[in-house]
Amino acid sequence: MQKGIIGKKIGMTQIFDEKGNVVPVTVVEAGPCVVVQKKTVENDGYAAVQLGYGDVKADKLNKPLKGHFEKSDVAPKRILREFRLADCDAVNVGDIVKVDTFAVGEKVDVVGTSKGKGYAGVIKRWNFHRLKESHGTGPVARHSGSQGVIDPARVFKGMKGAGHLGAERVTVQNLEIVKIDVENNLIAIKGAIPGARKGIVIISDTVKKA
């Protein structure tokens, strides 16, 4: 990973390119992020950089987090995330990471938490077909059907069934940066990204290099 940043999803809109084509984009308020900690191979076994995003009052933190920020001598941040950059030595604690680390036309991967949809049945969750509603099927047209077998007389692990839908970590790869507003810390990414408005997202350069 060459670079990364933490941001907040603002919403979707559309812009026009130089040819007049409509481009659907998601606007993200990315950064500014501060380098809170550096991890080294000697001390931690791997090299990484911890970024902080979003201001928070000190009295909202517990004692371990207060000591963590006091040791780094940076203002308390609400969100902390690690990035394993290719060159961590070039970054120091206290440095500010802004949207200008990215450029228009670059491809990025976006990680977010998908919208939670509560407890869902198998038709909505796994796209099951309905059962037939005649010849004795009964009031179970939206059920998954029989899952237990005669031998070994149990339900196999990993069977698709009803359950909690959404609210999980989702990564969308190879999205293009269409526009960057450095003054307002805004970045416009082509297409949709996971999560609801005001959800926290992580933007990094794509792992699938062309």
N, C-alpha and C. Protein backbone atom coordinates (compact mmCIF):
# COMPACT_ATOMS: atom_id res chain seq x y z
N MET A 1 0.84 -1.19 0.00
CA MET A 1 0.00 0.00 0.00
C MET A 1 0.88 1.25 0.00
N GLN A 2 0.62 2.13 -0.93
CA GLN A 2 1.41 3.36 -1.03
C GLN A 2 0.84 4.49 -0.17
N LYS A 3 -0.48 4.58 -0.12
CA LYS A 3 -1.10 5.67 0.63
C LYS A 3 -2.51 5.29 1.04
N GLY A 4 -3.03 5.98 2.06
CA GLY A 4 -4.38 5.72 2.54
C GLY A 4 -4.86 6.88 3.38
N ILE A 5 -6.17 6.94 3.59
CA ILE A 5 -6.77 8.03 4.36
C ILE A 5 -8.11 7.57 4.90
N ILE A 6 -8.54 8.18 6.00
CA ILE A 6 -9.84 7.89 6.61
C ILE A 6 -10.79 9.03 6.26
N GLY A 7 -12.05 8.70 6.01
CA GLY A 7 -13.01 9.73 5.65
C GLY A 7 -14.41 9.40 6.11
N LYS A 8 -15.33 10.29 5.75
CA LYS A 8 -16.74 10.15 6.10
C LYS A 8 -17.58 10.31 4.84
N LYS A 9 -18.46 9.35 4.60
CA LYS A 9 -19.31 9.40 3.42
C LYS A 9 -20.34 10.52 3.55
N ILE A 10 -20.37 11.40 2.56
CA ILE A 10 -21.32 12.51 2.56
C ILE A 10 -22.59 12.15 1.80
N GLY A 11 -22.45 11.52 0.65
CA GLY A 11 -23.62 11.15 -0.14
C GLY A 11 -23.25 11.05 -1.61
N MET A 12 -24.26 10.75 -2.43
CA MET A 12 -24.04 10.60 -3.86
C MET A 12 -24.60 11.78 -4.62
N THR A 13 -23.96 12.08 -5.75
CA THR A 13 -24.43 13.11 -6.65
C THR A 13 -23.93 12.76 -8.05
N GLN A 14 -23.99 13.69 -8.96
CA GLN A 14 -23.48 13.45 -10.31
C GLN A 14 -22.79 14.70 -10.82
N ILE A 15 -21.73 14.50 -11.59
CA ILE A 15 -21.00 15.60 -12.19
C ILE A 15 -20.84 15.31 -13.67
N PHE A 16 -20.42 16.33 -14.41
CA PHE A 16 -20.23 16.20 -15.85
C PHE A 16 -18.74 16.25 -16.16
N ASP A 17 -18.29 15.33 -17.03
CA ASP A 17 -16.89 15.35 -17.45
C ASP A 17 -16.69 16.33 -18.59
N GLU A 18 -15.46 16.41 -19.11
CA GLU A 18 -15.15 17.39 -20.15
C GLU A 18 -15.89 17.11 -21.45
N LYS A 19 -16.38 15.86 -21.64
CA LYS A 19 -17.15 15.53 -22.83
C LYS A 19 -18.65 15.73 -22.65
N GLY A 20 -19.07 16.13 -21.46
CA GLY A 20 -20.48 16.36 -21.19
C GLY A 20 -21.22 15.12 -20.72
N ASN A 21 -20.50 14.04 -20.43
CA ASN A 21 -21.15 12.83 -19.95
C ASN A 21 -21.42 12.93 -18.45
N VAL A 22 -22.55 12.36 -18.04
CA VAL A 22 -22.90 12.35 -16.62
C VAL A 22 -22.13 11.23 -15.92
N VAL A 23 -21.48 11.58 -14.81
CA VAL A 23 -20.70 10.61 -14.04
C VAL A 23 -21.28 10.54 -12.62
N PRO A 24 -21.84 9.40 -12.21
CA PRO A 24 -22.32 9.27 -10.82
C PRO A 24 -21.14 9.15 -9.87
N VAL A 25 -21.14 9.94 -8.80
CA VAL A 25 -20.01 9.93 -7.87
C VAL A 25 -20.52 9.90 -6.44
N THR A 26 -19.67 9.39 -5.56
CA THR A 26 -19.90 9.46 -4.12
C THR A 26 -18.91 10.46 -3.54
N VAL A 27 -19.42 11.42 -2.77
CA VAL A 27 -18.57 12.45 -2.18
C VAL A 27 -18.16 12.00 -0.77
N VAL A 28 -16.87 12.05 -0.50
CA VAL A 28 -16.32 11.65 0.79
C VAL A 28 -15.52 12.80 1.38
N GLU A 29 -15.79 13.10 2.64
CA GLU A 29 -14.96 14.07 3.36
C GLU A 29 -13.77 13.31 3.93
N ALA A 30 -12.64 13.39 3.25
CA ALA A 30 -11.46 12.58 3.59
C ALA A 30 -10.44 13.43 4.33
N GLY A 31 -10.17 13.08 5.58
CA GLY A 31 -9.19 13.80 6.37
C GLY A 31 -9.70 15.17 6.80
N PRO A 32 -8.77 16.01 7.28
CA PRO A 32 -7.35 15.71 7.47
C PRO A 32 -7.12 14.70 8.59
N CYS A 33 -6.17 13.80 8.36
CA CYS A 33 -5.81 12.79 9.35
C CYS A 33 -4.42 13.10 9.91
N VAL A 34 -4.20 12.74 11.15
CA VAL A 34 -2.92 12.97 11.80
C VAL A 34 -2.28 11.62 12.11
N VAL A 35 -0.97 11.56 11.96
CA VAL A 35 -0.22 10.34 12.30
C VAL A 35 -0.09 10.28 13.82
N VAL A 36 -0.72 9.28 14.42
CA VAL A 36 -0.74 9.14 15.87
C VAL A 36 0.40 8.24 16.35
N GLN A 37 0.75 7.22 15.58
CA GLN A 37 1.75 6.25 16.03
C GLN A 37 2.43 5.61 14.83
N LYS A 38 3.71 5.28 15.01
CA LYS A 38 4.46 4.51 14.01
C LYS A 38 4.85 3.18 14.62
N LYS A 39 4.60 2.10 13.90
CA LYS A 39 4.99 0.77 14.35
C LYS A 39 6.16 0.29 13.50
N THR A 40 7.15 -0.28 14.16
CA THR A 40 8.38 -0.69 13.49
C THR A 40 8.56 -2.19 13.60
N VAL A 41 9.41 -2.71 12.72
CA VAL A 41 9.69 -4.14 12.73
C VAL A 41 10.42 -4.52 14.01
N GLU A 42 11.29 -3.64 14.50
CA GLU A 42 12.06 -3.96 15.71
C GLU A 42 11.16 -4.08 16.94
N ASN A 43 10.20 -3.17 17.09
CA ASN A 43 9.37 -3.15 18.30
C ASN A 43 8.09 -3.98 18.17
N ASP A 44 7.49 -3.98 16.98
CA ASP A 44 6.16 -4.58 16.82
C ASP A 44 6.12 -5.76 15.87
N GLY A 45 7.21 -6.01 15.15
CA GLY A 45 7.23 -7.12 14.23
C GLY A 45 6.77 -6.79 12.83
N TYR A 46 6.27 -5.58 12.63
CA TYR A 46 5.84 -5.14 11.30
C TYR A 46 5.86 -3.62 11.26
N ALA A 47 5.89 -3.06 10.07
CA ALA A 47 5.92 -1.61 9.89
C ALA A 47 4.54 -1.12 9.47
N ALA A 48 4.04 -0.13 10.19
CA ALA A 48 2.72 0.43 9.88
C ALA A 48 2.63 1.83 10.46
N VAL A 49 1.62 2.55 10.02
CA VAL A 49 1.34 3.90 10.49
C VAL A 49 -0.10 3.95 10.97
N GLN A 50 -0.31 4.51 12.16
CA GLN A 50 -1.67 4.66 12.69
C GLN A 50 -2.14 6.08 12.47
N LEU A 51 -3.28 6.22 11.76
CA LEU A 51 -3.86 7.53 11.49
C LEU A 51 -5.07 7.76 12.38
N GLY A 52 -5.29 9.01 12.75
CA GLY A 52 -6.45 9.40 13.54
C GLY A 52 -7.31 10.38 12.76
N TYR A 53 -8.63 10.24 12.92
CA TYR A 53 -9.57 11.10 12.18
C TYR A 53 -10.73 11.48 13.08
N GLY A 54 -11.17 12.73 12.99
CA GLY A 54 -12.33 13.19 13.73
C GLY A 54 -12.00 13.60 15.15
N ASP A 55 -12.25 14.87 15.47
CA ASP A 55 -11.95 15.37 16.80
C ASP A 55 -12.94 14.83 17.83
N VAL A 56 -12.45 14.64 19.04
CA VAL A 56 -13.28 14.18 20.14
C VAL A 56 -12.75 14.81 21.42
N LYS A 57 -13.65 15.11 22.36
CA LYS A 57 -13.22 15.71 23.62
C LYS A 57 -12.44 14.69 24.45
N ALA A 58 -11.46 15.21 25.20
CA ALA A 58 -10.61 14.32 25.99
C ALA A 58 -11.39 13.60 27.08
N ASP A 59 -12.45 14.24 27.62
CA ASP A 59 -13.21 13.59 28.69
C ASP A 59 -14.10 12.46 28.18
N LYS A 60 -14.17 12.28 26.87
CA LYS A 60 -14.92 11.16 26.29
C LYS A 60 -14.06 9.90 26.16
N LEU A 61 -12.76 10.01 26.44
CA LEU A 61 -11.85 8.89 26.27
C LEU A 61 -11.59 8.20 27.60
N ASN A 62 -11.24 6.92 27.53
CA ASN A 62 -10.80 6.22 28.73
C ASN A 62 -9.31 6.50 28.97
N LYS A 63 -8.79 6.04 30.09
CA LYS A 63 -7.42 6.38 30.47
C LYS A 63 -6.37 5.81 29.51
N PRO A 64 -6.52 4.56 29.04
CA PRO A 64 -5.53 4.07 28.08
C PRO A 64 -5.43 4.91 26.81
N LEU A 65 -6.58 5.33 26.26
CA LEU A 65 -6.55 6.16 25.06
C LEU A 65 -5.98 7.54 25.34
N LYS A 66 -6.30 8.11 26.51
CA LYS A 66 -5.73 9.41 26.86
C LYS A 66 -4.21 9.33 26.90
N GLY A 67 -3.70 8.27 27.54
CA GLY A 67 -2.25 8.11 27.58
C GLY A 67 -1.64 7.88 26.20
N HIS A 68 -2.39 7.21 25.33
CA HIS A 68 -1.92 6.96 23.98
C HIS A 68 -1.72 8.27 23.22
N PHE A 69 -2.69 9.17 23.32
CA PHE A 69 -2.58 10.45 22.61
C PHE A 69 -1.58 11.38 23.28
N GLU A 70 -1.49 11.34 24.62
CA GLU A 70 -0.52 12.18 25.32
C GLU A 70 0.91 11.76 24.97
N LYS A 71 1.14 10.47 24.82
CA LYS A 71 2.46 9.99 24.45
C LYS A 71 2.87 10.49 23.07
N SER A 72 1.90 10.55 22.15
CA SER A 72 2.18 11.02 20.80
C SER A 72 2.14 12.53 20.69
N ASP A 73 1.60 13.19 21.74
CA ASP A 73 1.46 14.65 21.76
C ASP A 73 0.62 15.15 20.58
N VAL A 74 -0.51 14.45 20.35
CA VAL A 74 -1.46 14.89 19.33
C VAL A 74 -2.84 15.01 19.97
N ALA A 75 -3.72 15.79 19.33
CA ALA A 75 -5.07 15.98 19.84
C ALA A 75 -5.84 14.67 19.74
N PRO A 76 -6.75 14.40 20.69
CA PRO A 76 -7.52 13.15 20.64
C PRO A 76 -8.36 13.05 19.37
N LYS A 77 -8.41 11.83 18.82
CA LYS A 77 -9.16 11.56 17.61
C LYS A 77 -10.18 10.46 17.87
N ARG A 78 -11.30 10.54 17.16
CA ARG A 78 -12.39 9.59 17.36
C ARG A 78 -12.11 8.23 16.70
N ILE A 79 -11.51 8.25 15.52
CA ILE A 79 -11.29 7.03 14.75
C ILE A 79 -9.79 6.81 14.59
N LEU A 80 -9.34 5.59 14.85
CA LEU A 80 -7.95 5.19 14.65
C LEU A 80 -7.90 3.99 13.72
N ARG A 81 -7.04 4.06 12.72
CA ARG A 81 -6.87 2.95 11.78
C ARG A 81 -5.39 2.83 11.41
N GLU A 82 -4.97 1.59 11.14
CA GLU A 82 -3.60 1.34 10.74
C GLU A 82 -3.49 1.15 9.24
N PHE A 83 -2.38 1.64 8.68
CA PHE A 83 -2.08 1.49 7.26
C PHE A 83 -0.65 0.97 7.13
N ARG A 84 -0.48 -0.16 6.44
CA ARG A 84 0.85 -0.70 6.19
C ARG A 84 1.37 -0.10 4.89
N LEU A 85 2.00 1.05 5.01
CA LEU A 85 2.49 1.77 3.85
C LEU A 85 3.79 1.16 3.36
N ALA A 86 4.09 1.40 2.08
CA ALA A 86 5.32 0.86 1.50
C ALA A 86 6.55 1.53 2.10
N ASP A 87 6.44 2.82 2.44
CA ASP A 87 7.57 3.56 3.01
C ASP A 87 7.10 4.28 4.27
N CYS A 88 7.07 3.56 5.38
CA CYS A 88 6.64 4.16 6.64
C CYS A 88 7.68 5.09 7.23
N ASP A 89 8.96 4.92 6.81
CA ASP A 89 10.03 5.76 7.35
C ASP A 89 9.88 7.22 6.93
N ALA A 90 9.18 7.45 5.82
CA ALA A 90 9.02 8.82 5.34
C ALA A 90 7.96 9.60 6.10
N VAL A 91 7.23 8.93 6.99
CA VAL A 91 6.15 9.56 7.75
C VAL A 91 6.55 9.63 9.22
N ASN A 92 6.23 10.74 9.87
CA ASN A 92 6.56 10.93 11.28
C ASN A 92 5.29 11.22 12.08
N VAL A 93 5.35 10.94 13.38
CA VAL A 93 4.23 11.21 14.27
C VAL A 93 3.93 12.71 14.28
N GLY A 94 2.65 13.05 14.11
CA GLY A 94 2.25 14.45 14.06
C GLY A 94 2.04 14.97 12.66
N ASP A 95 2.49 14.24 11.63
CA ASP A 95 2.27 14.67 10.25
C ASP A 95 0.79 14.64 9.91
N ILE A 96 0.38 15.53 9.02
CA ILE A 96 -1.01 15.64 8.59
C ILE A 96 -1.14 15.03 7.19
N VAL A 97 -2.13 14.15 7.04
CA VAL A 97 -2.42 13.53 5.75
C VAL A 97 -3.72 14.13 5.21
N LYS A 98 -3.65 14.71 4.02
CA LYS A 98 -4.81 15.35 3.40
C LYS A 98 -5.16 14.66 2.08
N VAL A 99 -6.24 15.14 1.47
CA VAL A 99 -6.72 14.50 0.23
C VAL A 99 -5.76 14.70 -0.92
N ASP A 100 -4.84 15.67 -0.83
CA ASP A 100 -3.93 15.90 -1.94
C ASP A 100 -2.88 14.79 -2.07
N THR A 101 -2.92 13.82 -1.14
CA THR A 101 -2.06 12.64 -1.32
C THR A 101 -2.53 11.80 -2.50
N PHE A 102 -3.80 11.95 -2.87
CA PHE A 102 -4.34 11.26 -4.03
C PHE A 102 -4.42 12.24 -5.19
N ALA A 103 -4.62 11.70 -6.39
CA ALA A 103 -4.72 12.51 -7.59
C ALA A 103 -5.91 12.05 -8.42
N VAL A 104 -6.43 12.96 -9.21
CA VAL A 104 -7.56 12.64 -10.09
C VAL A 104 -7.12 11.59 -11.11
N GLY A 105 -7.95 10.57 -11.30
CA GLY A 105 -7.65 9.50 -12.23
C GLY A 105 -7.07 8.26 -11.59
N GLU A 106 -6.66 8.36 -10.32
CA GLU A 106 -6.12 7.19 -9.63
C GLU A 106 -7.22 6.21 -9.28
N LYS A 107 -6.87 4.93 -9.18
CA LYS A 107 -7.80 3.88 -8.78
C LYS A 107 -7.59 3.57 -7.30
N VAL A 108 -8.69 3.44 -6.57
CA VAL A 108 -8.62 3.23 -5.12
C VAL A 108 -9.56 2.10 -4.72
N ASP A 109 -9.29 1.54 -3.54
CA ASP A 109 -10.20 0.61 -2.88
C ASP A 109 -10.84 1.32 -1.71
N VAL A 110 -12.13 1.11 -1.51
CA VAL A 110 -12.87 1.76 -0.44
C VAL A 110 -13.46 0.69 0.47
N VAL A 111 -13.20 0.82 1.77
CA VAL A 111 -13.72 -0.11 2.78
C VAL A 111 -14.71 0.64 3.65
N GLY A 112 -15.88 0.05 3.86
CA GLY A 112 -16.90 0.65 4.72
C GLY A 112 -17.76 -0.43 5.35
N THR A 113 -18.67 0.01 6.21
CA THR A 113 -19.63 -0.89 6.85
C THR A 113 -20.97 -0.76 6.14
N SER A 114 -21.45 -1.87 5.60
CA SER A 114 -22.69 -1.84 4.83
C SER A 114 -23.89 -1.51 5.72
N LYS A 115 -24.96 -1.08 5.10
CA LYS A 115 -26.17 -0.73 5.84
C LYS A 115 -26.75 -1.97 6.53
N GLY A 116 -27.12 -1.83 7.77
CA GLY A 116 -27.74 -2.92 8.49
C GLY A 116 -29.21 -3.04 8.13
N LYS A 117 -29.67 -4.25 7.85
CA LYS A 117 -31.06 -4.47 7.45
C LYS A 117 -31.81 -5.36 8.43
N GLY A 118 -31.19 -5.59 9.61
CA GLY A 118 -31.89 -6.36 10.64
C GLY A 118 -31.97 -7.83 10.32
N TYR A 119 -32.93 -8.50 10.95
CA TYR A 119 -33.13 -9.94 10.74
C TYR A 119 -33.91 -10.13 9.45
N ALA A 120 -33.36 -10.93 8.55
CA ALA A 120 -33.96 -11.12 7.23
C ALA A 120 -34.15 -12.59 6.94
N GLY A 121 -35.16 -12.89 6.15
CA GLY A 121 -35.42 -14.26 5.72
C GLY A 121 -34.52 -14.67 4.58
N VAL A 122 -34.64 -15.92 4.16
CA VAL A 122 -33.73 -16.46 3.15
C VAL A 122 -33.98 -15.87 1.77
N ILE A 123 -35.20 -15.43 1.49
CA ILE A 123 -35.48 -14.87 0.16
C ILE A 123 -34.76 -13.54 0.00
N LYS A 124 -34.82 -12.69 1.02
CA LYS A 124 -34.14 -11.39 0.94
C LYS A 124 -32.63 -11.53 1.14
N ARG A 125 -32.24 -12.46 2.00
CA ARG A 125 -30.82 -12.57 2.36
C ARG A 125 -30.00 -13.34 1.34
N TRP A 126 -30.56 -14.42 0.80
CA TRP A 126 -29.81 -15.30 -0.10
C TRP A 126 -30.47 -15.47 -1.46
N ASN A 127 -31.53 -14.73 -1.76
CA ASN A 127 -32.21 -14.81 -3.06
C ASN A 127 -32.81 -16.19 -3.31
N PHE A 128 -33.34 -16.82 -2.27
CA PHE A 128 -34.02 -18.11 -2.45
C PHE A 128 -35.30 -17.91 -3.26
N HIS A 129 -35.76 -19.00 -3.92
CA HIS A 129 -37.06 -18.99 -4.58
C HIS A 129 -38.15 -19.32 -3.56
N ARG A 130 -39.34 -18.89 -3.87
CA ARG A 130 -40.50 -19.28 -3.05
C ARG A 130 -40.82 -20.76 -3.27
N LEU A 131 -41.42 -21.37 -2.25
CA LEU A 131 -41.93 -22.72 -2.43
C LEU A 131 -43.30 -22.65 -3.10
N LYS A 132 -43.73 -23.77 -3.66
CA LYS A 132 -45.05 -23.77 -4.29
C LYS A 132 -46.13 -23.59 -3.22
N GLU A 133 -47.23 -23.00 -3.61
CA GLU A 133 -48.29 -22.68 -2.65
C GLU A 133 -49.52 -23.56 -2.88
N SER A 134 -49.30 -24.76 -3.35
CA SER A 134 -50.42 -25.67 -3.58
C SER A 134 -50.01 -27.08 -3.16
N HIS A 135 -50.98 -27.99 -3.12
CA HIS A 135 -50.74 -29.40 -2.84
C HIS A 135 -50.07 -29.62 -1.48
N GLY A 136 -50.58 -28.94 -0.48
CA GLY A 136 -50.15 -29.26 0.87
C GLY A 136 -48.88 -28.61 1.35
N THR A 137 -48.36 -27.63 0.63
CA THR A 137 -47.14 -26.96 1.11
C THR A 137 -47.39 -26.22 2.42
N GLY A 138 -48.58 -25.66 2.57
CA GLY A 138 -48.90 -24.99 3.82
C GLY A 138 -48.39 -23.56 3.86
N PRO A 139 -48.47 -22.93 5.01
CA PRO A 139 -48.10 -21.50 5.10
C PRO A 139 -46.60 -21.27 5.26
N VAL A 140 -45.80 -21.92 4.43
CA VAL A 140 -44.35 -21.80 4.56
C VAL A 140 -43.73 -21.47 3.21
N ALA A 141 -44.42 -20.66 2.40
CA ALA A 141 -43.95 -20.41 1.04
C ALA A 141 -42.63 -19.66 1.02
N ARG A 142 -42.34 -18.89 2.07
CA ARG A 142 -41.10 -18.11 2.10
C ARG A 142 -40.03 -18.74 3.00
N HIS A 143 -40.23 -19.98 3.43
CA HIS A 143 -39.24 -20.66 4.24
C HIS A 143 -38.17 -21.30 3.35
N SER A 144 -37.10 -21.76 3.96
CA SER A 144 -35.99 -22.31 3.19
C SER A 144 -36.19 -23.77 2.82
N GLY A 145 -37.15 -24.42 3.42
CA GLY A 145 -37.35 -25.82 3.13
C GLY A 145 -36.58 -26.72 4.07
N SER A 146 -36.61 -28.01 3.83
CA SER A 146 -35.95 -28.97 4.71
C SER A 146 -34.44 -28.83 4.64
N GLN A 147 -33.79 -28.83 5.80
CA GLN A 147 -32.32 -28.74 5.85
C GLN A 147 -31.70 -29.94 6.54
N GLY A 148 -32.41 -30.58 7.45
CA GLY A 148 -31.84 -31.75 8.12
C GLY A 148 -31.90 -32.96 7.21
N VAL A 149 -30.89 -33.82 7.32
CA VAL A 149 -30.86 -35.04 6.50
C VAL A 149 -30.95 -36.26 7.43
N ILE A 150 -31.32 -37.40 6.86
CA ILE A 150 -31.49 -38.61 7.67
C ILE A 150 -30.17 -39.02 8.31
N ASP A 151 -29.10 -38.93 7.57
CA ASP A 151 -27.79 -39.28 8.11
C ASP A 151 -26.81 -38.21 7.62
N PRO A 152 -26.17 -37.45 8.52
CA PRO A 152 -25.95 -37.67 9.96
C PRO A 152 -26.97 -37.00 10.87
N ALA A 153 -28.15 -36.69 10.37
CA ALA A 153 -29.25 -36.17 11.20
C ALA A 153 -28.89 -34.88 11.90
N ARG A 154 -28.29 -33.98 11.16
CA ARG A 154 -27.99 -32.66 11.71
C ARG A 154 -27.89 -31.67 10.55
N VAL A 155 -27.87 -30.41 10.87
CA VAL A 155 -27.74 -29.37 9.85
C VAL A 155 -26.25 -29.08 9.65
N PHE A 156 -25.79 -29.16 8.44
CA PHE A 156 -24.38 -28.94 8.15
C PHE A 156 -24.00 -27.49 8.44
N LYS A 157 -22.77 -27.29 8.92
CA LYS A 157 -22.27 -25.95 9.20
C LYS A 157 -22.14 -25.16 7.91
N GLY A 158 -22.57 -23.90 7.95
CA GLY A 158 -22.48 -23.03 6.78
C GLY A 158 -23.70 -23.04 5.89
N MET A 159 -24.75 -23.75 6.27
CA MET A 159 -25.97 -23.75 5.47
C MET A 159 -26.59 -22.36 5.44
N LYS A 160 -27.10 -21.98 4.30
CA LYS A 160 -27.73 -20.66 4.17
C LYS A 160 -29.09 -20.67 4.83
N GLY A 161 -29.33 -19.68 5.67
CA GLY A 161 -30.61 -19.58 6.37
C GLY A 161 -30.92 -18.14 6.72
N ALA A 162 -32.00 -17.95 7.43
CA ALA A 162 -32.38 -16.61 7.87
C ALA A 162 -31.40 -16.11 8.92
N GLY A 163 -31.27 -14.79 9.04
CA GLY A 163 -30.35 -14.25 10.04
C GLY A 163 -30.09 -12.78 9.81
N HIS A 164 -29.08 -12.28 10.53
CA HIS A 164 -28.75 -10.85 10.47
C HIS A 164 -28.19 -10.51 9.09
N LEU A 165 -28.70 -9.45 8.49
CA LEU A 165 -28.31 -9.05 7.14
C LEU A 165 -27.69 -7.66 7.19
N GLY A 166 -26.53 -7.52 6.55
CA GLY A 166 -25.87 -6.23 6.48
C GLY A 166 -25.03 -5.94 7.71
N ALA A 167 -24.63 -4.67 7.86
CA ALA A 167 -23.80 -4.20 8.98
C ALA A 167 -22.51 -5.00 9.07
N GLU A 168 -21.85 -5.20 7.93
CA GLU A 168 -20.59 -5.93 7.90
C GLU A 168 -19.58 -5.19 7.03
N ARG A 169 -18.33 -5.52 7.22
CA ARG A 169 -17.25 -4.86 6.50
C ARG A 169 -17.30 -5.26 5.02
N VAL A 170 -17.31 -4.26 4.14
CA VAL A 170 -17.40 -4.49 2.70
C VAL A 170 -16.31 -3.66 2.01
N THR A 171 -15.63 -4.28 1.05
CA THR A 171 -14.61 -3.59 0.26
C THR A 171 -15.03 -3.55 -1.20
N VAL A 172 -14.97 -2.35 -1.79
CA VAL A 172 -15.23 -2.18 -3.22
C VAL A 172 -13.92 -1.75 -3.87
N GLN A 173 -13.50 -2.50 -4.88
CA GLN A 173 -12.17 -2.29 -5.47
C GLN A 173 -12.25 -1.56 -6.80
N ASN A 174 -11.11 -0.95 -7.14
CA ASN A 174 -10.89 -0.34 -8.46
C ASN A 174 -11.89 0.75 -8.79
N LEU A 175 -12.12 1.66 -7.87
CA LEU A 175 -12.96 2.82 -8.14
C LEU A 175 -12.07 4.01 -8.52
N GLU A 176 -12.56 4.83 -9.42
CA GLU A 176 -11.74 5.92 -9.96
C GLU A 176 -12.04 7.23 -9.24
N ILE A 177 -10.99 7.98 -8.94
CA ILE A 177 -11.15 9.33 -8.37
C ILE A 177 -11.44 10.29 -9.50
N VAL A 178 -12.56 10.99 -9.39
CA VAL A 178 -13.01 11.88 -10.47
C VAL A 178 -12.65 13.33 -10.17
N LYS A 179 -12.75 13.73 -8.89
CA LYS A 179 -12.51 15.13 -8.55
C LYS A 179 -12.03 15.23 -7.11
N ILE A 180 -11.17 16.23 -6.84
CA ILE A 180 -10.64 16.46 -5.50
C ILE A 180 -10.76 17.94 -5.17
N ASP A 181 -11.30 18.24 -3.99
CA ASP A 181 -11.40 19.61 -3.49
C ASP A 181 -10.54 19.70 -2.23
N VAL A 182 -9.33 20.22 -2.38
CA VAL A 182 -8.38 20.25 -1.28
C VAL A 182 -8.82 21.19 -0.18
N GLU A 183 -9.43 22.32 -0.56
CA GLU A 183 -9.81 23.32 0.44
C GLU A 183 -10.85 22.78 1.41
N ASN A 184 -11.80 22.00 0.91
CA ASN A 184 -12.89 21.47 1.74
C ASN A 184 -12.69 20.00 2.11
N ASN A 185 -11.51 19.44 1.80
CA ASN A 185 -11.19 18.05 2.13
C ASN A 185 -12.19 17.07 1.53
N LEU A 186 -12.61 17.32 0.30
CA LEU A 186 -13.60 16.48 -0.36
C LEU A 186 -12.96 15.72 -1.52
N ILE A 187 -13.42 14.49 -1.70
CA ILE A 187 -12.95 13.66 -2.80
C ILE A 187 -14.17 12.98 -3.41
N ALA A 188 -14.29 13.07 -4.75
CA ALA A 188 -15.41 12.48 -5.47
C ALA A 188 -14.94 11.19 -6.14
N ILE A 189 -15.58 10.08 -5.79
CA ILE A 189 -15.20 8.76 -6.29
C ILE A 189 -16.31 8.24 -7.19
N LYS A 190 -15.95 7.75 -8.36
CA LYS A 190 -16.93 7.27 -9.32
C LYS A 190 -17.63 6.02 -8.80
N GLY A 191 -18.97 6.03 -8.85
CA GLY A 191 -19.74 4.87 -8.42
C GLY A 191 -20.15 4.95 -6.97
N ALA A 192 -20.68 3.83 -6.48
CA ALA A 192 -21.20 3.76 -5.12
C ALA A 192 -20.18 3.08 -4.21
N ILE A 193 -20.22 3.45 -2.93
CA ILE A 193 -19.35 2.85 -1.93
C ILE A 193 -20.22 2.34 -0.79
N PRO A 194 -19.73 1.42 0.02
CA PRO A 194 -20.57 0.82 1.07
C PRO A 194 -20.94 1.81 2.16
N GLY A 195 -22.07 1.54 2.81
CA GLY A 195 -22.44 2.26 4.02
C GLY A 195 -23.48 3.34 3.81
N ALA A 196 -23.99 3.83 4.94
CA ALA A 196 -24.96 4.92 4.94
C ALA A 196 -24.23 6.25 4.97
N ARG A 197 -24.97 7.32 4.80
CA ARG A 197 -24.39 8.65 4.91
C ARG A 197 -23.81 8.86 6.31
N LYS A 198 -22.72 9.57 6.38
CA LYS A 198 -21.96 9.85 7.60
C LYS A 198 -21.23 8.62 8.13
N GLY A 199 -21.19 7.55 7.35
CA GLY A 199 -20.45 6.36 7.75
C GLY A 199 -18.96 6.53 7.49
N ILE A 200 -18.15 5.90 8.33
CA ILE A 200 -16.69 5.99 8.21
C ILE A 200 -16.22 5.04 7.11
N VAL A 201 -15.34 5.53 6.25
CA VAL A 201 -14.78 4.73 5.16
C VAL A 201 -13.27 4.88 5.16
N ILE A 202 -12.60 3.89 4.61
CA ILE A 202 -11.14 3.91 4.46
C ILE A 202 -10.82 3.84 2.98
N ILE A 203 -10.03 4.81 2.51
CA ILE A 203 -9.65 4.89 1.11
C ILE A 203 -8.17 4.59 1.01
N SER A 204 -7.81 3.66 0.12
CA SER A 204 -6.40 3.34 -0.12
C SER A 204 -6.22 3.03 -1.59
N ASP A 205 -4.97 3.10 -2.05
CA ASP A 205 -4.73 2.78 -3.45
C ASP A 205 -5.02 1.30 -3.69
N THR A 206 -5.50 1.02 -4.89
CA THR A 206 -6.00 -0.31 -5.17
C THR A 206 -4.88 -1.35 -5.18
N VAL A 207 -5.25 -2.56 -4.76
CA VAL A 207 -4.29 -3.67 -4.75
C VAL A 207 -4.21 -4.34 -6.12
N LYS A 208 -5.16 -4.09 -6.98
CA LYS A 208 -5.17 -4.70 -8.32
C LYS A 208 -4.62 -3.70 -9.33
N LYS A 209 -3.33 -3.68 -9.44
CA LYS A 209 -2.69 -2.75 -10.35
C LYS A 209 -2.91 -3.19 -11.79
N ALA A 210 -3.22 -2.21 -12.66
CA ALA A 210 -3.43 -2.53 -14.06
C ALA A 210 -2.10 -2.83 -14.72
